[in-house]
């Protein structure tokens, strides 16, 4: 681990929950090799339901090189290096919004730009719809103000299923390649890094590996009948510029939803990622430079 990554891994903010303060880990670009431009707002990156901050490694490096931006990518509570909750009912988007206030305050700028994948985008919709929204520019990665029931049922089934364990990292990588095939174009090196940052050894000394997350993050979905998620009322309140990334095969962000997003609320610019479903990863220069150019605007 290099110095920059080590420094990032040691950072955290404190989130106030009913059960007490919890540490939310985050990684920060902007320490080296460039000094961030203080005139530009920090970029906050928030991952999807079962993911972690390393999903933004490529984008963070691109943003820093492109304009000296400070970039902060967090591990939402229950994921990666962040604390787990004793009360799993706290693993909900409405609670995460409050957690993000601590991260935004740590950014040290009055405004922030936001890149949110799936769950990270839903958190942003709640923030950006507020009259006191801190979001200057918003990137939504394969998520919008309408999520169909079928997609939620698929995600619920995956998230609430018994958590698998793996004999080794090769077995873990094979699992991830199968269940996350819709993440789009990824090289062998990308999949190896994805596996390394998504898997940790079991604490029982068995030598097996598990996902780097609390198995209880899906608990709030158990026993709840899935219905369409309709957040158009939030979309119509948003005023900041929006870039939407959509996986061409996505079952969560439907083409009809994107077309309506263009004509309602803030409108949006749309880029469809070929050979991807839900949700595209930030592993290609084309996607990362497109986001960097949008945020520079």
Protein backbone atom coordinates (compact mmCIF):
# COMPACT_ATOMS: atom_id res chain seq x y z
CA UNK A 1 0.00 0.00 0.00
CA UNK A 2 1.46 3.36 -1.02
CA UNK A 3 1.60 6.41 1.26
CA UNK A 4 -1.35 8.17 -0.31
CA UNK A 5 -3.62 5.12 -0.01
CA UNK A 6 -2.49 4.50 3.58
CA UNK A 7 -3.32 8.07 4.57
CA UNK A 8 -6.74 7.80 2.94
CA UNK A 9 -7.51 4.52 4.63
CA UNK A 10 -6.93 6.04 8.08
CA UNK A 11 -9.51 8.82 7.68
CA UNK A 12 -13.01 8.79 9.14
CA UNK A 13 -15.84 11.04 10.28
CA UNK A 14 -18.18 10.43 13.19
CA UNK A 15 -21.86 9.82 12.45
CA UNK A 16 -24.45 10.31 15.18
CA UNK A 17 -26.85 7.36 15.50
CA UNK A 18 -29.27 6.40 18.25
CA UNK A 19 -26.89 3.66 19.38
CA UNK A 20 -24.01 6.15 19.61
CA UNK A 21 -21.29 7.60 17.42
CA UNK A 22 -20.16 5.48 14.49
CA UNK A 23 -17.05 5.87 12.37
CA UNK A 24 -17.59 6.25 8.64
CA UNK A 25 -14.36 5.69 6.75
CA UNK A 26 -13.50 7.62 3.63
CA UNK A 27 -10.66 7.90 1.16
CA UNK A 28 -9.41 11.26 0.02
CA UNK A 29 -7.54 12.28 -3.11
CA UNK A 30 -5.90 15.69 -3.14
CA UNK A 31 -2.96 15.12 -0.76
CA UNK A 32 -0.49 14.01 -3.43
CA UNK A 33 0.66 14.48 -6.14
CA UNK A 34 -1.25 17.76 -6.62
CA UNK A 35 -2.55 20.37 -4.21
CA UNK A 36 -6.31 20.78 -4.61
CA UNK A 37 -7.65 23.98 -6.14
CA UNK A 38 -9.46 25.77 -3.28
CA UNK A 39 -11.71 27.56 -5.79
CA UNK A 40 -13.32 24.28 -6.84
CA UNK A 41 -15.75 22.42 -4.57
CA UNK A 42 -14.84 19.00 -3.27
CA UNK A 43 -16.29 15.98 -5.04
CA UNK A 44 -18.19 13.51 -2.84
CA UNK A 45 -18.50 9.96 -4.23
CA UNK A 46 -20.98 7.49 -2.73
CA UNK A 47 -21.26 3.87 -3.82
CA UNK A 48 -24.12 1.42 -4.32
CA UNK A 49 -25.90 -0.78 -1.79
CA UNK A 50 -23.30 -3.55 -1.40
CA UNK A 51 -20.19 -1.73 -2.57
CA UNK A 52 -17.41 0.46 -1.10
CA UNK A 53 -15.25 3.50 -1.73
CA UNK A 54 -12.77 1.68 -3.98
CA UNK A 55 -15.34 1.75 -6.77
CA UNK A 56 -14.14 5.32 -7.35
CA UNK A 57 -10.38 4.70 -7.47
CA UNK A 58 -10.14 5.37 -11.20
CA UNK A 59 -12.45 8.38 -11.11
CA UNK A 60 -10.68 9.89 -8.10
CA UNK A 61 -7.31 9.74 -9.82
CA UNK A 62 -8.78 11.23 -13.01
CA UNK A 63 -10.42 14.14 -11.18
CA UNK A 64 -7.24 14.95 -9.30
CA UNK A 65 -5.11 14.88 -12.44
CA UNK A 66 -7.66 16.81 -14.50
CA UNK A 67 -8.12 19.78 -12.22
CA UNK A 68 -6.58 19.33 -8.81
CA UNK A 69 -9.95 18.45 -7.28
CA UNK A 70 -10.32 17.21 -3.74
CA UNK A 71 -12.22 13.93 -4.00
CA UNK A 72 -13.72 12.07 -1.03
CA UNK A 73 -15.20 8.59 -1.42
CA UNK A 74 -16.79 7.04 1.65
CA UNK A 75 -17.58 3.55 2.88
CA UNK A 76 -21.20 3.92 3.93
CA UNK A 77 -21.79 2.46 7.41
CA UNK A 78 -21.79 -1.33 7.30
CA UNK A 79 -19.42 -1.48 4.34
CA UNK A 80 -15.66 -1.55 3.89
CA UNK A 81 -13.71 -0.03 6.76
CA UNK A 82 -16.69 1.70 8.35
CA UNK A 83 -18.39 0.61 11.57
CA UNK A 84 -21.32 -1.77 11.55
CA UNK A 85 -24.63 -0.97 13.21
CA UNK A 86 -25.99 -3.02 16.10
CA UNK A 87 -29.50 -2.06 14.98
CA UNK A 88 -29.75 -3.10 11.32
CA UNK A 89 -32.92 -1.03 10.83
CA UNK A 90 -30.52 1.92 10.50
CA UNK A 91 -29.32 0.64 7.13
CA UNK A 92 -31.68 2.85 5.14
CA UNK A 93 -31.24 5.75 2.73
CA UNK A 94 -33.03 8.23 5.00
CA UNK A 95 -30.48 7.55 7.77
CA UNK A 96 -27.52 7.77 5.40
CA UNK A 97 -28.50 11.33 4.48
CA UNK A 98 -27.69 12.45 8.01
CA UNK A 99 -24.39 10.56 7.95
CA UNK A 100 -23.35 12.46 4.84
CA UNK A 101 -23.65 15.78 6.63
CA UNK A 102 -20.51 14.91 8.58
CA UNK A 103 -18.63 14.08 5.38
CA UNK A 104 -19.76 17.27 3.63
CA UNK A 105 -18.63 19.30 6.64
CA UNK A 106 -15.23 17.59 6.49
CA UNK A 107 -14.90 18.58 2.82
CA UNK A 108 -14.36 22.18 3.94
CA UNK A 109 -16.27 23.82 1.08
CA UNK A 110 -19.70 25.47 1.11
CA UNK A 111 -20.73 23.49 -1.95
CA UNK A 112 -19.84 20.01 -3.17
CA UNK A 113 -20.16 18.13 -6.41
CA UNK A 114 -21.66 14.66 -6.03
CA UNK A 115 -21.19 11.35 -7.84
CA UNK A 116 -23.64 8.69 -6.67
CA UNK A 117 -24.01 5.13 -7.88
CA UNK A 118 -27.45 3.58 -7.32
CA UNK A 119 -27.96 3.98 -3.52
CA UNK A 120 -25.46 6.85 -3.54
CA UNK A 121 -27.62 8.55 -6.14
CA UNK A 122 -30.79 8.09 -4.09
CA UNK A 123 -29.05 9.75 -1.15
CA UNK A 124 -28.18 12.63 -3.46
CA UNK A 125 -31.78 13.03 -4.64
CA UNK A 126 -32.87 13.67 -1.06
CA UNK A 127 -30.05 16.17 -0.49
CA UNK A 128 -30.37 17.96 -3.82
CA UNK A 129 -34.13 18.44 -3.42
CA UNK A 130 -33.63 20.43 -0.22
CA UNK A 131 -33.87 24.24 -0.38
CA UNK A 132 -30.51 24.25 1.42
CA UNK A 133 -28.91 21.72 -0.91
CA UNK A 134 -25.10 21.76 -0.82
CA UNK A 135 -24.83 20.04 -4.22
CA UNK A 136 -23.57 22.23 -7.05
CA UNK A 137 -23.38 19.54 -9.78
CA UNK A 138 -24.75 16.02 -9.63
CA UNK A 139 -23.78 12.80 -11.40
CA UNK A 140 -26.28 9.94 -11.08
CA UNK A 141 -24.86 6.56 -12.01
CA UNK A 142 -27.67 4.30 -13.21
CA UNK A 143 -30.37 5.57 -10.90
CA UNK A 144 -33.20 8.06 -11.13
CA UNK A 145 -36.46 9.15 -9.52
CA UNK A 146 -38.26 5.96 -10.56
CA UNK A 147 -37.09 2.43 -9.75
CA UNK A 148 -39.31 -0.43 -10.96
CA UNK A 149 -40.52 -3.15 -8.65
CA UNK A 150 -38.79 -5.93 -10.60
CA UNK A 151 -35.36 -4.34 -10.12
CA UNK A 152 -35.96 -3.88 -6.39
CA UNK A 153 -37.03 -7.52 -6.10
CA UNK A 154 -33.80 -8.64 -7.79
CA UNK A 155 -31.66 -6.48 -5.50
CA UNK A 156 -33.55 -7.62 -2.42
CA UNK A 157 -33.06 -11.28 -3.32
CA UNK A 158 -29.30 -10.80 -3.70
CA UNK A 159 -28.86 -8.65 -0.62
CA UNK A 160 -30.94 -10.75 1.77
CA UNK A 161 -29.66 -14.17 0.65
CA UNK A 162 -27.29 -16.00 3.04
CA UNK A 163 -23.86 -14.42 2.69
CA UNK A 164 -21.43 -16.70 0.85
CA UNK A 165 -17.89 -17.49 1.97
CA UNK A 166 -14.97 -18.34 -0.28
CA UNK A 167 -12.07 -20.76 -0.01
CA UNK A 168 -9.72 -18.26 -1.65
CA UNK A 169 -9.68 -15.05 -3.67
CA UNK A 170 -9.90 -16.92 -6.97
CA UNK A 171 -13.20 -18.42 -5.85
CA UNK A 172 -14.37 -14.99 -4.70
CA UNK A 173 -13.44 -13.42 -8.03
CA UNK A 174 -15.39 -16.08 -9.94
CA UNK A 175 -18.41 -15.29 -7.77
CA UNK A 176 -18.14 -11.55 -8.36
CA UNK A 177 -17.66 -11.97 -12.11
CA UNK A 178 -20.90 -13.95 -12.25
CA UNK A 179 -23.18 -11.88 -10.02
CA UNK A 180 -21.81 -8.50 -11.16
CA UNK A 181 -21.46 -9.23 -14.87
CA UNK A 182 -23.54 -6.13 -15.64
CA UNK A 183 -20.93 -3.81 -14.13
CA UNK A 184 -19.59 -3.35 -17.65
CA UNK A 185 -16.19 -3.53 -19.31
CA UNK A 186 -13.58 -4.61 -16.74
CA UNK A 187 -10.14 -6.07 -17.37
CA UNK A 188 -8.64 -9.00 -15.49
CA UNK A 189 -6.68 -6.47 -13.43
CA UNK A 190 -9.92 -4.59 -12.66
CA UNK A 191 -11.60 -7.77 -11.43
CA UNK A 192 -8.59 -8.69 -9.30
CA UNK A 193 -8.62 -5.27 -7.63
CA UNK A 194 -12.41 -5.40 -7.25
CA UNK A 195 -12.09 -8.75 -5.46
CA UNK A 196 -9.22 -7.63 -3.25
CA UNK A 197 -11.14 -4.60 -1.98
CA UNK A 198 -14.49 -6.42 -1.69
CA UNK A 199 -13.33 -9.43 0.35
CA UNK A 200 -11.74 -9.95 3.77
CA UNK A 201 -10.69 -13.06 5.74
CA UNK A 202 -13.18 -14.59 8.15
CA UNK A 203 -12.37 -13.82 11.77
CA UNK A 204 -12.62 -17.49 12.84
CA UNK A 205 -9.18 -18.44 11.52
CA UNK A 206 -10.64 -20.90 8.99
CA UNK A 207 -8.76 -19.34 6.11
CA UNK A 208 -11.98 -18.62 4.25
CA UNK A 209 -13.06 -15.21 2.97
CA UNK A 210 -16.27 -13.16 3.13
CA UNK A 211 -17.70 -10.02 1.60
CA UNK A 212 -16.31 -6.83 3.14
CA UNK A 213 -19.66 -5.72 4.56
CA UNK A 214 -22.13 -6.37 7.33
CA UNK A 215 -24.37 -9.29 6.27
CA UNK A 216 -27.26 -7.39 7.90
CA UNK A 217 -27.29 -4.43 5.46
CA UNK A 218 -30.24 -6.02 3.67
CA UNK A 219 -32.28 -6.61 6.83
CA UNK A 220 -34.62 -3.61 6.31
CA UNK A 221 -35.75 -5.24 3.03
CA UNK A 222 -36.73 -8.56 4.59
CA UNK A 223 -40.44 -9.23 4.72
CA UNK A 224 -41.25 -6.00 2.88
CA UNK A 225 -43.26 -6.38 -0.31
CA UNK A 226 -41.46 -4.61 -3.13
CA UNK A 227 -43.28 -1.83 -4.96
CA UNK A 228 -42.21 0.72 -7.54
CA UNK A 229 -40.12 3.48 -5.97
CA UNK A 230 -41.48 6.85 -7.13
CA UNK A 231 -39.40 9.91 -6.24
CA UNK A 232 -40.51 12.28 -8.99
CA UNK A 233 -41.58 14.82 -6.37
CA UNK A 234 -37.91 15.11 -5.37
CA UNK A 235 -36.68 15.33 -8.96
CA UNK A 236 -38.97 18.26 -9.65
CA UNK A 237 -37.41 20.21 -6.75
CA UNK A 238 -33.79 19.82 -7.91
CA UNK A 239 -32.15 22.85 -9.51
CA UNK A 240 -28.51 21.84 -10.08
CA UNK A 241 -27.13 20.52 -13.40
CA UNK A 242 -27.32 16.72 -13.64
CA UNK A 243 -25.38 14.15 -15.66
CA UNK A 244 -26.96 10.71 -15.86
CA UNK A 245 -24.95 7.60 -16.68
CA UNK A 246 -27.08 4.65 -17.76
CA UNK A 247 -26.03 1.09 -18.42
CA UNK A 248 -27.48 0.09 -21.78
CA UNK A 249 -28.87 -3.14 -20.27
CA UNK A 250 -30.02 -1.60 -16.99
CA UNK A 251 -33.22 -2.95 -15.44
CA UNK A 252 -33.18 -0.27 -12.73
CA UNK A 253 -32.95 2.94 -14.79
CA UNK A 254 -35.37 2.37 -17.65
CA UNK A 255 -35.23 4.25 -20.98
CA UNK A 256 -38.69 5.77 -20.36
CA UNK A 257 -37.50 7.10 -17.01
CA UNK A 258 -34.48 8.77 -18.61
CA UNK A 259 -36.64 10.39 -21.28
CA UNK A 260 -38.94 11.85 -18.63
CA UNK A 261 -35.94 13.04 -16.59
CA UNK A 262 -34.83 15.11 -19.58
CA UNK A 263 -38.06 17.10 -19.60
CA UNK A 264 -38.85 17.44 -15.88
CA UNK A 265 -37.19 19.09 -12.91
CA UNK A 266 -33.61 20.12 -13.66
CA UNK A 267 -33.45 18.13 -16.89
CA UNK A 268 -30.25 16.20 -17.50
CA UNK A 269 -27.47 15.24 -19.85
CA UNK A 270 -27.40 11.50 -20.50
CA UNK A 271 -24.61 9.12 -21.46
CA UNK A 272 -25.47 5.48 -22.11
CA UNK A 273 -22.68 3.06 -21.28
CA UNK A 274 -22.58 0.20 -23.80
CA UNK A 275 -22.02 -3.39 -22.63
CA UNK A 276 -23.20 -2.55 -19.11
CA UNK A 277 -26.32 -2.98 -17.02
CA UNK A 278 -26.75 -1.95 -13.42
CA UNK A 279 -24.47 -0.28 -12.64
CA UNK A 280 -21.49 0.80 -14.77
CA UNK A 281 -18.12 0.90 -13.00
CA UNK A 282 -15.67 3.80 -13.26
CA UNK A 283 -13.00 1.67 -14.91
CA UNK A 284 -12.73 3.25 -18.36
CA UNK A 285 -11.07 6.56 -19.27
CA UNK A 286 -14.06 7.55 -21.41
CA UNK A 287 -16.49 7.49 -18.49
CA UNK A 288 -14.06 9.09 -16.04
CA UNK A 289 -13.12 11.95 -18.37
CA UNK A 290 -16.78 12.57 -19.22
CA UNK A 291 -17.57 12.97 -15.52
CA UNK A 292 -14.50 15.17 -15.01
CA UNK A 293 -15.51 17.43 -17.91
CA UNK A 294 -19.07 17.74 -16.58
CA UNK A 295 -17.95 18.62 -13.08
CA UNK A 296 -15.43 21.15 -14.42
CA UNK A 297 -18.28 22.98 -16.12
